[in-house]
Amino acid sequence: MAGKTHWRSRFKLFGGTLGILLGLAIAFLLIEKIRGAMELNRRIAHLQQQGERLAVADFEPVQAKPGDDAATALHALSNRLESVSLLSQITPPSGRFTKAGQQIRVTQLISWSVEKKTNTWAEVAANLAGDKTLLGDVHTALIRPGWNDGCEYHNGFIEFKLGPLVLSKNLSQLLAFSALVALRSNDIELAVARIEDAGLLLRHQTNSPLIVSQLVRNAEAVILWNATWELIISGKCSEPQLTRLQAAWDGMDFNADMSRAMTIERNMTLEHYDLIISSGEKRAKAMEELAQAGELGLNSRPPTKGFILNHIHVPIWSFSWARQDELRSLNRWQAVIEFDRAARSNSWSGVSDQVSELDEKTGILAVALSDEDAPKQNLYNRLRYLCSGMTFSIGSNTTRKSMQIETQRRMLVTAIAIERWKLRRGRYPGSLDELVPELLSTMPVDLMNNQPLSYKLTKDGVGLVYSVGDDARNDGGDPIPEQPIPAFRKIWDGKDAVWPQPASTQDAEWAAHAD
């Protein structure tokens, strides 16, 4: 009897202790819920007081009418565009340098190598001639005034479908190669028309305000920048044709468009959390996608999986920690946005000393490290930061690259204006001031130092426009890298980012086959 009483007492003690622990756990989770909601609401109110607009609707693109939508018209051509997909396998080495500041004129090459296979312009031309009406139909599509990228901006990032990224990238290559083939045939009018179509494509994609869309657009701009460089360097364009090329590139702002993309993705993140908190179906789908991304190595893996993740961790997270997780995501985005705004209002050099601080805040430094070297979160943070604990790859480099491509666009427009001046007067201008307002409406600004783009006359009397580069130090238009590098791949590798000069024929032929 005494034994039964003993065990009954121990059972009561155990039950009482368990009840107390359970009560404390519930109280803790309830406090966490209240704390998260209060801190998030306080942060949102503060941002709104500062003038931040946090609704997706404030930044989402205007939807074009069906008959005005260039993206839909281009999508209808996607099967025909695939017929010229072999272009990627015989791509000429456009944009390749033989040495610092000296770029290959691919239109002067007889042949080049891709993966140890020799290719020629005849192959490129034959590939383009496979569908004789394709480029005309592309032009008809591009002159439509609107652009619907097909993205659903009010569904968070659940089952998210991106716009026609591969299509637009392939189309950029097609238009660039078509312009180069026309240049080789001395059909300058057709070459200029192809660049004009490419400019329309880049302009349309202003209406795709997502970071990945703008990154692809930036890559397209580099392809088309190189094709336009070939046209200008050839010296075959008349002034009216140069005027059209300048108009094709004028009036865009790749840096501002990337900033808009950052802002709308911040706002989409807030809507994403609202959806997965309020809808069990949306939450289940979001967690499924999160787990799949972790398994594929596209993200960090959640700290739990299977039954524990779906039936214990996620319900507790949704009740207690989701708003804390949302606040962390919001703060990450806000740090990126404020850094980007500071860079735009000042210059890249004005924020370069803040790069490490920003990348530490966003966790992007951990992305570049191995699993062994990356800083570890404690278990509590891994559990409550279920979404924001995943890989975040947007940081200072996104701003830097968008500022570079926008500066490069301004250099291109300026270089065209310089060539127009030369055609009119038979000499290069003594300074860029002479171009304003006759050929440039305003003095072009170098985003690296927020000063006018730099300019010099070489000893041969050739006018070269250049940017002072990432370090914002004017090295007199010196394209040589500060430190030795294995290969000079882009103008930003130099001390200054200088408008390239054509490489010698001998160097170009050697580099074209150095595959």
Protein backbone atom coordinates (compact mmCIF):
# COMPACT_ATOMS: atom_id res chain seq x y z
CA MET A 1 0.00 0.00 0.00
CA ALA A 2 2.84 2.33 0.88
CA GLY A 3 4.44 1.55 -2.51
CA LYS A 4 1.27 2.52 -4.36
CA THR A 5 1.05 5.74 -2.41
CA HIS A 6 4.69 6.47 -3.21
CA TRP A 7 4.20 5.98 -6.94
CA ARG A 8 0.95 7.96 -6.87
CA SER A 9 2.78 10.86 -5.23
CA ARG A 10 5.58 10.70 -7.74
CA PHE A 11 3.06 10.59 -10.59
CA LYS A 12 1.25 13.64 -9.19
CA LEU A 13 4.57 15.43 -8.82
CA PHE A 14 5.53 14.54 -12.37
CA GLY A 15 2.10 15.57 -13.68
CA GLY A 16 2.23 18.82 -11.75
CA THR A 17 5.73 19.58 -12.99
CA LEU A 18 4.73 18.74 -16.55
CA GLY A 19 1.68 20.98 -16.22
CA ILE A 20 3.82 23.85 -14.95
CA LEU A 21 6.33 23.36 -17.76
CA LEU A 22 3.54 23.20 -20.32
CA GLY A 23 2.00 26.35 -18.89
CA LEU A 24 5.34 28.12 -18.97
CA ALA A 25 5.87 26.98 -22.58
CA ILE A 26 2.45 28.28 -23.59
CA ALA A 27 3.08 31.55 -21.75
CA PHE A 28 6.49 31.85 -23.42
CA LEU A 29 5.05 31.26 -26.88
CA LEU A 30 2.23 33.72 -26.20
CA ILE A 31 4.72 36.36 -25.04
CA GLU A 32 6.81 35.68 -28.15
CA LYS A 33 3.73 36.19 -30.32
CA ILE A 34 2.83 39.49 -28.64
CA ARG A 35 6.43 40.70 -28.67
CA GLY A 36 6.85 39.91 -32.36
CA ALA A 37 3.62 41.66 -33.35
CA MET A 38 4.41 44.75 -31.27
CA GLU A 39 7.96 45.10 -32.59
CA LEU A 40 6.89 44.58 -36.19
CA ASN A 41 4.03 47.08 -35.92
CA ARG A 42 6.35 49.59 -34.29
CA ARG A 43 8.90 49.17 -37.07
CA ILE A 44 6.29 49.47 -39.83
CA ALA A 45 4.81 52.60 -38.25
CA HIS A 46 8.28 54.14 -38.01
CA LEU A 47 9.01 53.42 -41.67
CA GLN A 48 5.67 54.84 -42.74
CA GLN A 49 6.35 57.99 -40.74
CA GLN A 50 9.59 58.32 -42.71
CA GLY A 51 7.58 58.22 -45.92
CA GLU A 52 8.12 54.57 -46.87
CA ARG A 53 5.40 53.06 -49.03
CA LEU A 54 5.04 49.42 -48.07
CA ALA A 55 2.24 48.27 -50.38
CA VAL A 56 3.02 46.22 -53.48
CA ALA A 57 0.38 48.22 -55.37
CA ASP A 58 2.51 51.35 -55.00
CA PHE A 59 5.24 49.90 -57.23
CA GLU A 60 3.75 47.12 -59.36
CA PRO A 61 3.88 47.68 -63.11
CA VAL A 62 0.90 48.99 -65.04
CA GLN A 63 -0.69 46.16 -66.99
CA ALA A 64 -0.83 46.71 -70.73
CA LYS A 65 -3.98 46.14 -72.73
CA PRO A 66 -3.91 42.79 -74.58
CA GLY A 67 -3.34 44.38 -77.97
CA ASP A 68 -0.53 46.56 -76.60
CA ASP A 69 1.47 43.82 -74.87
CA ALA A 70 4.87 43.27 -76.48
CA ALA A 71 5.77 40.42 -74.09
CA THR A 72 2.77 38.31 -75.15
CA ALA A 73 3.51 38.96 -78.82
CA LEU A 74 7.14 37.88 -78.34
CA HIS A 75 6.07 34.79 -76.41
CA ALA A 76 4.01 33.77 -79.44
CA LEU A 77 7.28 33.73 -81.38
CA SER A 78 9.13 31.57 -78.82
CA ASN A 79 9.04 28.38 -80.92
CA ARG A 80 10.47 30.23 -83.90
CA LEU A 81 13.12 31.84 -81.71
CA GLU A 82 14.23 28.36 -80.66
CA SER A 83 15.04 27.68 -84.30
CA VAL A 84 18.00 30.05 -83.97
CA SER A 85 19.05 28.71 -80.58
CA LEU A 86 22.24 27.29 -82.11
CA LEU A 87 23.61 30.82 -82.00
CA SER A 88 24.66 30.19 -78.40
CA GLN A 89 26.96 27.40 -79.61
CA ILE A 90 28.72 29.52 -82.25
CA THR A 91 28.80 32.83 -80.39
CA PRO A 92 31.56 35.20 -81.58
CA PRO A 93 33.80 36.49 -78.76
CA SER A 94 32.04 39.85 -78.52
CA GLY A 95 33.29 41.89 -75.58
CA ARG A 96 36.52 39.92 -75.23
CA PHE A 97 39.73 41.83 -74.52
CA THR A 98 43.23 41.00 -75.72
CA LYS A 99 44.78 43.20 -73.06
CA ALA A 100 43.75 46.06 -70.80
CA GLY A 101 41.66 48.59 -72.71
CA GLN A 102 41.85 46.76 -76.07
CA GLN A 103 38.73 44.93 -77.21
CA ILE A 104 38.31 42.52 -80.11
CA ARG A 105 36.35 43.81 -83.09
CA VAL A 106 34.54 40.57 -83.82
CA THR A 107 33.29 41.82 -87.16
CA GLN A 108 36.92 41.85 -88.34
CA LEU A 109 37.48 38.20 -87.45
CA ILE A 110 37.49 35.47 -90.06
CA SER A 111 36.89 32.71 -87.52
CA TRP A 112 36.90 31.98 -83.80
CA SER A 113 36.76 28.98 -81.49
CA VAL A 114 34.04 27.85 -79.09
CA GLU A 115 34.82 24.73 -77.07
CA LYS A 116 37.61 23.82 -79.53
CA LYS A 117 35.29 24.09 -82.54
CA THR A 118 36.11 26.69 -85.19
CA ASN A 119 33.18 28.89 -86.22
CA THR A 120 32.71 31.49 -88.93
CA TRP A 121 30.38 34.36 -89.77
CA ALA A 122 28.93 32.26 -92.58
CA GLU A 123 27.55 29.88 -89.95
CA VAL A 124 26.06 32.75 -87.96
CA ALA A 125 24.47 34.25 -91.06
CA ALA A 126 23.09 30.87 -92.15
CA ASN A 127 21.57 30.34 -88.71
CA LEU A 128 19.91 33.75 -88.83
CA ALA A 129 18.60 33.14 -92.33
CA GLY A 130 16.69 30.05 -91.21
CA ASP A 131 13.53 32.08 -90.62
CA LYS A 132 13.56 35.03 -93.01
CA THR A 133 10.56 36.80 -91.47
CA LEU A 134 11.40 36.24 -87.80
CA LEU A 135 13.22 39.51 -87.14
CA GLY A 136 10.50 41.48 -88.89
CA ASP A 137 7.91 39.86 -86.64
CA VAL A 138 10.11 40.59 -83.61
CA HIS A 139 10.17 44.26 -84.61
CA THR A 140 6.37 44.29 -84.99
CA ALA A 141 6.06 42.85 -81.47
CA LEU A 142 8.57 45.25 -79.92
CA ILE A 143 6.91 48.41 -81.21
CA ARG A 144 3.86 47.61 -79.10
CA PRO A 145 3.73 50.14 -76.25
CA GLY A 146 3.16 47.83 -73.25
CA TRP A 147 4.85 44.96 -71.44
CA ASN A 148 3.20 42.37 -69.16
CA ASP A 149 5.84 40.06 -67.71
CA GLY A 150 3.25 37.58 -66.44
CA CYS A 151 4.31 37.80 -62.79
CA GLU A 152 1.72 37.72 -60.01
CA TYR A 153 2.95 40.39 -57.63
CA HIS A 154 0.25 39.86 -54.96
CA ASN A 155 0.95 36.21 -54.17
CA GLY A 156 4.12 36.70 -52.19
CA PHE A 157 6.72 34.25 -53.46
CA ILE A 158 4.46 31.19 -53.34
CA GLU A 159 4.47 29.19 -56.60
CA PHE A 160 6.09 32.24 -58.10
CA LYS A 161 6.48 32.32 -61.86
CA LEU A 162 9.11 34.56 -63.38
CA GLY A 163 8.70 36.52 -66.58
CA PRO A 164 10.18 35.60 -69.99
CA LEU A 165 13.81 35.81 -68.84
CA VAL A 166 15.29 33.17 -71.12
CA LEU A 167 13.27 34.49 -74.04
CA SER A 168 14.47 38.07 -73.58
CA LYS A 169 18.11 36.98 -73.11
CA ASN A 170 18.02 34.89 -76.29
CA LEU A 171 16.31 37.71 -78.15
CA SER A 172 19.05 40.14 -77.09
CA GLN A 173 21.70 37.80 -78.48
CA LEU A 174 19.71 37.40 -81.69
CA LEU A 175 19.41 41.16 -82.21
CA ALA A 176 23.08 41.75 -81.36
CA PHE A 177 24.31 39.07 -83.76
CA SER A 178 21.95 40.31 -86.46
CA ALA A 179 23.39 43.81 -86.08
CA LEU A 180 26.95 42.45 -86.34
CA VAL A 181 26.14 40.37 -89.44
CA ALA A 182 24.60 43.46 -91.05
CA LEU A 183 27.68 45.52 -90.14
CA ARG A 184 29.95 42.93 -91.75
CA SER A 185 27.84 43.20 -94.90
CA ASN A 186 28.08 47.01 -94.76
CA ASP A 187 24.31 47.24 -94.32
CA ILE A 188 24.65 49.93 -91.66
CA GLU A 189 21.00 50.95 -91.87
CA LEU A 190 19.90 47.42 -90.95
CA ALA A 191 22.51 47.17 -88.17
CA VAL A 192 21.23 50.39 -86.62
CA ALA A 193 17.63 49.16 -86.89
CA ARG A 194 18.55 45.99 -84.98
CA ILE A 195 20.12 48.03 -82.17
CA GLU A 196 16.99 50.20 -82.09
CA ASP A 197 14.88 47.07 -81.62
CA ALA A 198 17.24 45.95 -78.86
CA GLY A 199 16.81 49.33 -77.19
CA LEU A 200 13.04 48.83 -77.27
CA LEU A 201 13.48 45.46 -75.56
CA LEU A 202 15.63 46.95 -72.80
CA ARG A 203 13.18 49.81 -72.36
CA HIS A 204 10.20 47.43 -72.11
CA GLN A 205 11.90 45.50 -69.31
CA THR A 206 11.75 48.56 -67.09
CA ASN A 207 8.27 47.15 -66.49
CA SER A 208 9.67 43.94 -64.93
CA PRO A 209 10.50 45.24 -61.43
CA LEU A 210 12.05 42.11 -59.93
CA ILE A 211 15.71 41.82 -59.03
CA VAL A 212 16.33 38.68 -61.10
CA SER A 213 14.61 40.32 -64.08
CA GLN A 214 16.82 43.38 -63.78
CA LEU A 215 19.95 41.24 -63.40
CA VAL A 216 19.09 39.46 -66.66
CA ARG A 217 18.33 42.82 -68.28
CA ASN A 218 21.75 44.09 -67.18
CA ALA A 219 23.38 41.06 -68.81
CA GLU A 220 21.42 41.78 -71.99
CA ALA A 221 22.59 45.40 -71.88
CA VAL A 222 26.24 44.27 -71.85
CA ILE A 223 25.65 42.09 -74.93
CA LEU A 224 24.02 44.97 -76.78
CA TRP A 225 26.58 47.51 -75.50
CA ASN A 226 29.31 45.48 -77.18
CA ALA A 227 27.38 45.29 -80.46
CA THR A 228 26.82 49.06 -80.38
CA TRP A 229 30.53 49.59 -79.64
CA GLU A 230 31.35 47.66 -82.83
CA LEU A 231 29.10 49.96 -84.84
CA ILE A 232 30.62 53.13 -83.41
CA ILE A 233 34.24 51.94 -83.72
CA SER A 234 33.64 50.93 -87.35
CA GLY A 235 33.32 54.60 -88.33
CA LYS A 236 30.69 53.65 -90.90
CA CYS A 237 27.67 55.33 -89.31
CA SER A 238 26.38 58.63 -90.65
CA GLU A 239 25.40 61.29 -88.16
CA PRO A 240 21.64 60.56 -88.54
CA GLN A 241 22.39 56.91 -87.82
CA LEU A 242 24.48 57.81 -84.79
CA THR A 243 21.61 60.04 -83.62
CA ARG A 244 19.29 57.03 -83.77
CA LEU A 245 21.76 54.88 -81.85
CA GLN A 246 22.02 57.56 -79.18
CA ALA A 247 18.23 57.75 -78.91
CA ALA A 248 18.04 53.96 -78.58
CA TRP A 249 20.19 54.08 -75.44
CA ASP A 250 19.06 57.41 -74.04
CA GLY A 251 16.53 57.91 -71.26
CA MET A 252 17.02 54.63 -69.38
CA ASP A 253 18.33 54.24 -65.84
CA PHE A 254 19.40 50.71 -64.90
CA ASN A 255 20.33 51.78 -61.40
CA ALA A 256 16.95 53.37 -60.65
CA ASP A 257 15.15 50.31 -62.05
CA MET A 258 17.12 48.00 -59.76
CA SER A 259 16.23 50.23 -56.81
CA ARG A 260 12.55 49.91 -57.67
CA ALA A 261 12.95 46.13 -57.85
CA MET A 262 14.45 46.04 -54.36
CA THR A 263 11.57 48.10 -53.01
CA ILE A 264 8.81 45.99 -54.53
CA GLU A 265 10.45 42.77 -53.35
CA ARG A 266 10.57 44.16 -49.81
CA ASN A 267 6.85 44.86 -50.04
CA MET A 268 6.16 41.46 -51.59
CA THR A 269 7.97 39.91 -48.63
CA LEU A 270 5.54 41.58 -46.22
CA GLU A 271 2.58 40.28 -48.22
CA HIS A 272 4.22 36.85 -48.36
CA TYR A 273 4.23 36.62 -44.56
CA ASP A 274 0.62 37.80 -44.35
CA LEU A 275 -0.42 35.05 -46.75
CA ILE A 276 1.40 32.19 -45.04
CA ILE A 277 0.24 33.30 -41.59
CA SER A 278 -3.42 33.65 -42.57
CA SER A 279 -3.77 30.66 -44.90
CA GLY A 280 -2.90 27.10 -43.91
CA GLU A 281 -2.89 26.08 -47.57
CA LYS A 282 -0.49 28.86 -48.55
CA ARG A 283 1.67 28.12 -45.53
CA ALA A 284 1.92 24.42 -46.39
CA LYS A 285 2.89 25.22 -49.98
CA ALA A 286 5.46 27.80 -48.90
CA MET A 287 7.07 25.38 -46.45
CA GLU A 288 7.12 22.65 -49.07
CA GLU A 289 8.97 24.96 -51.46
CA LEU A 290 11.32 26.01 -48.65
CA ALA A 291 12.20 22.41 -47.84
CA GLN A 292 12.66 21.52 -51.52
CA ALA A 293 15.02 24.46 -52.03
CA GLY A 294 17.05 23.28 -49.05
CA GLU A 295 17.27 19.73 -50.40
CA LEU A 296 18.44 21.05 -53.79
CA GLY A 297 21.10 23.16 -52.13
CA LEU A 298 19.50 26.41 -53.30
CA ASN A 299 18.94 27.51 -49.71
CA SER A 300 19.97 26.62 -46.21
CA ARG A 301 18.02 23.66 -44.93
CA PRO A 302 15.33 24.21 -42.27
CA PRO A 303 16.46 22.96 -38.83
CA THR A 304 13.66 20.38 -38.77
CA LYS A 305 12.04 18.21 -41.41
CA GLY A 306 9.24 15.77 -42.10
CA PHE A 307 6.59 15.28 -39.42
CA ILE A 308 8.34 17.52 -36.88
CA LEU A 309 8.64 20.37 -39.39
CA ASN A 310 5.08 20.18 -40.69
CA HIS A 311 3.14 19.31 -37.54
CA ILE A 312 5.15 20.80 -34.67
CA HIS A 313 7.69 23.38 -35.82
CA VAL A 314 5.59 25.21 -38.45
CA PRO A 315 2.43 25.51 -36.28
CA ILE A 316 4.49 26.91 -33.39
CA TRP A 317 6.39 29.22 -35.76
CA SER A 318 3.15 30.45 -37.32
CA PHE A 319 1.62 31.22 -33.93
CA SER A 320 4.58 32.67 -32.08
CA TRP A 321 7.52 33.55 -34.28
CA ALA A 322 6.26 34.44 -37.75
CA ARG A 323 6.12 38.17 -37.05
CA GLN A 324 9.61 38.13 -35.53
CA ASP A 325 10.78 36.34 -38.65
CA GLU A 326 8.99 38.94 -40.79
CA LEU A 327 10.64 41.78 -38.86
CA ARG A 328 14.06 40.28 -39.50
CA SER A 329 13.30 39.99 -43.22
CA LEU A 330 12.01 43.56 -43.30
CA ASN A 331 15.14 44.87 -41.57
CA ARG A 332 17.35 43.04 -44.04
CA TRP A 333 15.55 44.52 -47.00
CA GLN A 334 15.52 47.97 -45.44
CA ALA A 335 19.28 47.85 -44.89
CA VAL A 336 19.80 46.98 -48.56
CA ILE A 337 17.38 49.67 -49.75
CA GLU A 338 18.88 52.41 -47.56
CA PHE A 339 22.40 51.48 -48.69
CA ASP A 340 21.27 51.60 -52.30
CA ARG A 341 19.59 54.98 -51.82
CA ALA A 342 22.70 56.38 -50.17
CA ALA A 343 24.77 55.18 -53.10
CA ARG A 344 22.39 56.73 -55.62
CA SER A 345 22.20 60.08 -53.84
CA ASN A 346 25.94 60.20 -53.16
CA SER A 347 28.13 57.84 -55.20
CA TRP A 348 29.58 54.35 -54.99
CA SER A 349 32.71 55.74 -53.36
CA GLY A 350 30.51 57.50 -50.81
CA VAL A 351 29.19 54.18 -49.47
CA SER A 352 32.06 51.81 -50.23
CA ASP A 353 33.23 51.98 -46.60
CA GLN A 354 29.82 50.63 -45.54
CA VAL A 355 29.96 47.48 -47.70
CA SER A 356 31.19 45.09 -44.99
CA GLU A 357 28.67 46.42 -42.48
CA LEU A 358 25.78 45.94 -44.91
CA ASP A 359 26.83 42.46 -46.00
CA GLU A 360 27.16 41.43 -42.37
CA LYS A 361 23.68 42.79 -41.60
CA THR A 362 22.07 40.91 -44.45
CA GLY A 363 24.02 37.72 -43.84
CA ILE A 364 25.38 37.75 -47.37
CA LEU A 365 28.92 37.19 -46.06
CA ALA A 366 27.84 33.74 -44.93
CA VAL A 367 26.74 32.92 -48.48
CA ALA A 368 30.32 33.28 -49.71
CA LEU A 369 31.70 31.06 -46.97
CA SER A 370 31.75 27.30 -46.70
CA ASP A 371 29.37 25.57 -44.29
CA GLU A 372 32.30 25.09 -41.91
CA ASP A 373 33.35 28.76 -42.00
CA ALA A 374 29.91 30.40 -42.01
CA PRO A 375 28.76 31.79 -38.66
CA LYS A 376 26.25 29.51 -36.93
CA GLN A 377 22.96 30.66 -35.45
CA ASN A 378 21.88 29.18 -32.16
CA LEU A 379 19.01 26.68 -32.18
CA TYR A 380 16.48 29.23 -30.89
CA ASN A 381 17.16 31.59 -33.80
CA ARG A 382 17.17 28.76 -36.33
CA LEU A 383 13.75 27.71 -35.10
CA ARG A 384 12.13 31.14 -35.07
CA TYR A 385 13.82 32.51 -38.22
CA LEU A 386 12.42 29.78 -40.41
CA CYS A 387 12.18 31.94 -43.55
CA SER A 388 14.66 34.76 -42.93
CA GLY A 389 17.24 32.20 -41.86
CA MET A 390 17.46 31.04 -45.45
CA THR A 391 20.12 32.31 -47.87
CA PHE A 392 19.82 36.03 -48.67
CA SER A 393 21.92 36.92 -51.70
CA ILE A 394 21.01 40.58 -52.19
CA GLY A 395 23.69 42.94 -50.91
CA SER A 396 26.14 45.64 -51.83
CA ASN A 397 27.27 43.86 -54.97
CA THR A 398 23.79 44.18 -56.47
CA THR A 399 23.99 47.96 -56.11
CA ARG A 400 27.56 48.15 -57.35
CA LYS A 401 26.86 46.20 -60.53
CA SER A 402 23.72 48.17 -61.36
CA MET A 403 25.67 51.41 -60.88
CA GLN A 404 28.40 50.08 -63.14
CA ILE A 405 26.04 49.13 -65.96
CA GLU A 406 24.24 52.47 -65.72
CA THR A 407 27.56 54.32 -65.81
CA GLN A 408 28.56 52.19 -68.79
CA ARG A 409 25.30 53.16 -70.55
CA ARG A 410 26.10 56.83 -69.95
CA MET A 411 29.59 56.31 -71.34
CA LEU A 412 28.08 54.77 -74.48
CA VAL A 413 25.66 57.65 -75.02
CA THR A 414 28.54 60.09 -74.48
CA ALA A 415 30.80 58.21 -76.90
CA ILE A 416 28.12 58.43 -79.57
CA ALA A 417 27.78 62.17 -78.97
CA ILE A 418 31.57 62.49 -79.29
CA GLU A 419 31.46 60.73 -82.68
CA ARG A 420 28.67 63.01 -83.83
CA TRP A 421 30.75 66.05 -82.82
CA LYS A 422 33.69 64.68 -84.77
CA LEU A 423 31.57 64.16 -87.90
CA ARG A 424 30.31 67.73 -87.68
CA ARG A 425 33.65 69.42 -87.01
CA GLY A 426 36.33 67.03 -88.21
CA ARG A 427 37.95 66.79 -84.77
CA TYR A 428 37.28 65.47 -81.30
CA PRO A 429 35.93 67.89 -78.68
CA GLY A 430 38.43 69.40 -76.28
CA SER A 431 36.16 68.56 -73.33
CA LEU A 432 32.75 67.07 -72.69
CA ASP A 433 31.42 70.56 -71.90
CA GLU A 434 31.43 71.26 -75.61
CA LEU A 435 28.79 68.57 -76.18
CA VAL A 436 26.19 70.28 -73.93
CA PRO A 437 23.52 71.20 -74.88
CA GLU A 438 24.09 70.63 -78.60
CA LEU A 439 24.48 66.85 -78.43
CA LEU A 440 23.83 66.03 -74.77
CA SER A 441 21.04 67.64 -72.76
CA THR A 442 23.08 67.55 -69.55
CA MET A 443 26.59 66.63 -68.49
CA PRO A 444 26.68 62.84 -67.94
CA VAL A 445 27.44 61.86 -64.33
CA ASP A 446 29.81 59.10 -63.25
CA LEU A 447 28.01 57.16 -60.51
CA MET A 448 31.32 56.06 -59.05
CA ASN A 449 32.10 59.56 -57.73
CA ASN A 450 28.97 61.57 -58.58
CA GLN A 451 31.05 63.87 -60.78
CA PRO A 452 30.89 64.36 -64.56
CA LEU A 453 32.31 61.49 -66.59
CA SER A 454 36.00 61.96 -67.32
CA TYR A 455 37.49 62.59 -70.74
CA LYS A 456 40.90 62.82 -72.31
CA LEU A 457 42.56 63.26 -75.67
CA THR A 458 45.21 60.66 -76.42
CA LYS A 459 48.57 61.58 -77.92
CA ASP A 460 47.01 60.67 -81.29
CA GLY A 461 44.21 63.17 -80.69
CA VAL A 462 41.52 60.51 -80.08
CA GLY A 463 38.86 61.43 -77.52
CA LEU A 464 38.19 58.82 -74.84
CA VAL A 465 35.42 58.95 -72.26
CA TYR A 466 35.96 57.04 -69.03
CA SER A 467 34.76 56.43 -65.49
CA VAL A 468 37.08 56.72 -62.52
CA GLY A 469 36.12 53.18 -61.49
CA ASP A 470 35.18 51.64 -58.17
CA ASP A 471 37.90 53.44 -56.21
CA ALA A 472 36.67 56.86 -57.48
CA ARG A 473 40.27 57.90 -58.12
CA ASN A 474 40.98 59.50 -61.48
CA ASP A 475 44.05 57.76 -62.86
CA GLY A 476 44.04 59.75 -66.09
CA GLY A 477 42.12 57.16 -68.09
CA ASP A 478 44.46 54.27 -67.23
CA PRO A 479 42.85 50.90 -68.09
CA ILE A 480 45.66 48.86 -66.49
CA PRO A 481 44.48 46.91 -63.40
CA GLU A 482 45.71 48.08 -60.00
CA GLN A 483 46.94 44.56 -59.26
CA PRO A 484 47.89 41.81 -61.75
CA ILE A 485 44.94 39.63 -62.74
CA PRO A 486 44.80 36.40 -64.79
CA ALA A 487 42.81 38.02 -67.61
CA PHE A 488 41.32 41.42 -68.39
CA ARG A 489 37.63 40.63 -68.92
CA LYS A 490 35.73 43.91 -68.60
CA ILE A 491 36.40 47.61 -68.51
CA TRP A 492 35.84 47.65 -64.73
CA ASP A 493 38.97 45.53 -64.22
CA GLY A 494 41.15 48.59 -64.84
CA LYS A 495 42.14 51.45 -62.56
CA ASP A 496 39.72 53.51 -64.65
CA ALA A 497 36.86 52.09 -66.74
CA VAL A 498 37.88 53.38 -70.16
CA TRP A 499 36.00 53.38 -73.46
CA PRO A 500 37.78 50.47 -75.24
CA GLN A 501 40.04 50.82 -78.23
CA PRO A 502 40.11 48.12 -80.91
CA ALA A 503 42.76 45.44 -80.49
CA SER A 504 45.25 44.79 -83.26
CA THR A 505 44.24 42.24 -85.87
CA GLN A 506 47.03 39.89 -84.82
CA ASP A 507 46.10 40.02 -81.14
CA ALA A 508 42.40 39.66 -81.94
CA GLU A 509 42.94 36.56 -84.09
CA TRP A 510 45.05 34.95 -81.38
CA ALA A 511 42.56 35.74 -78.59
CA ALA A 512 39.60 34.56 -80.68
CA HIS A 513 41.08 31.05 -80.81
CA ALA A 514 42.40 30.98 -77.24
CA ASP A 515 39.42 28.92 -76.11
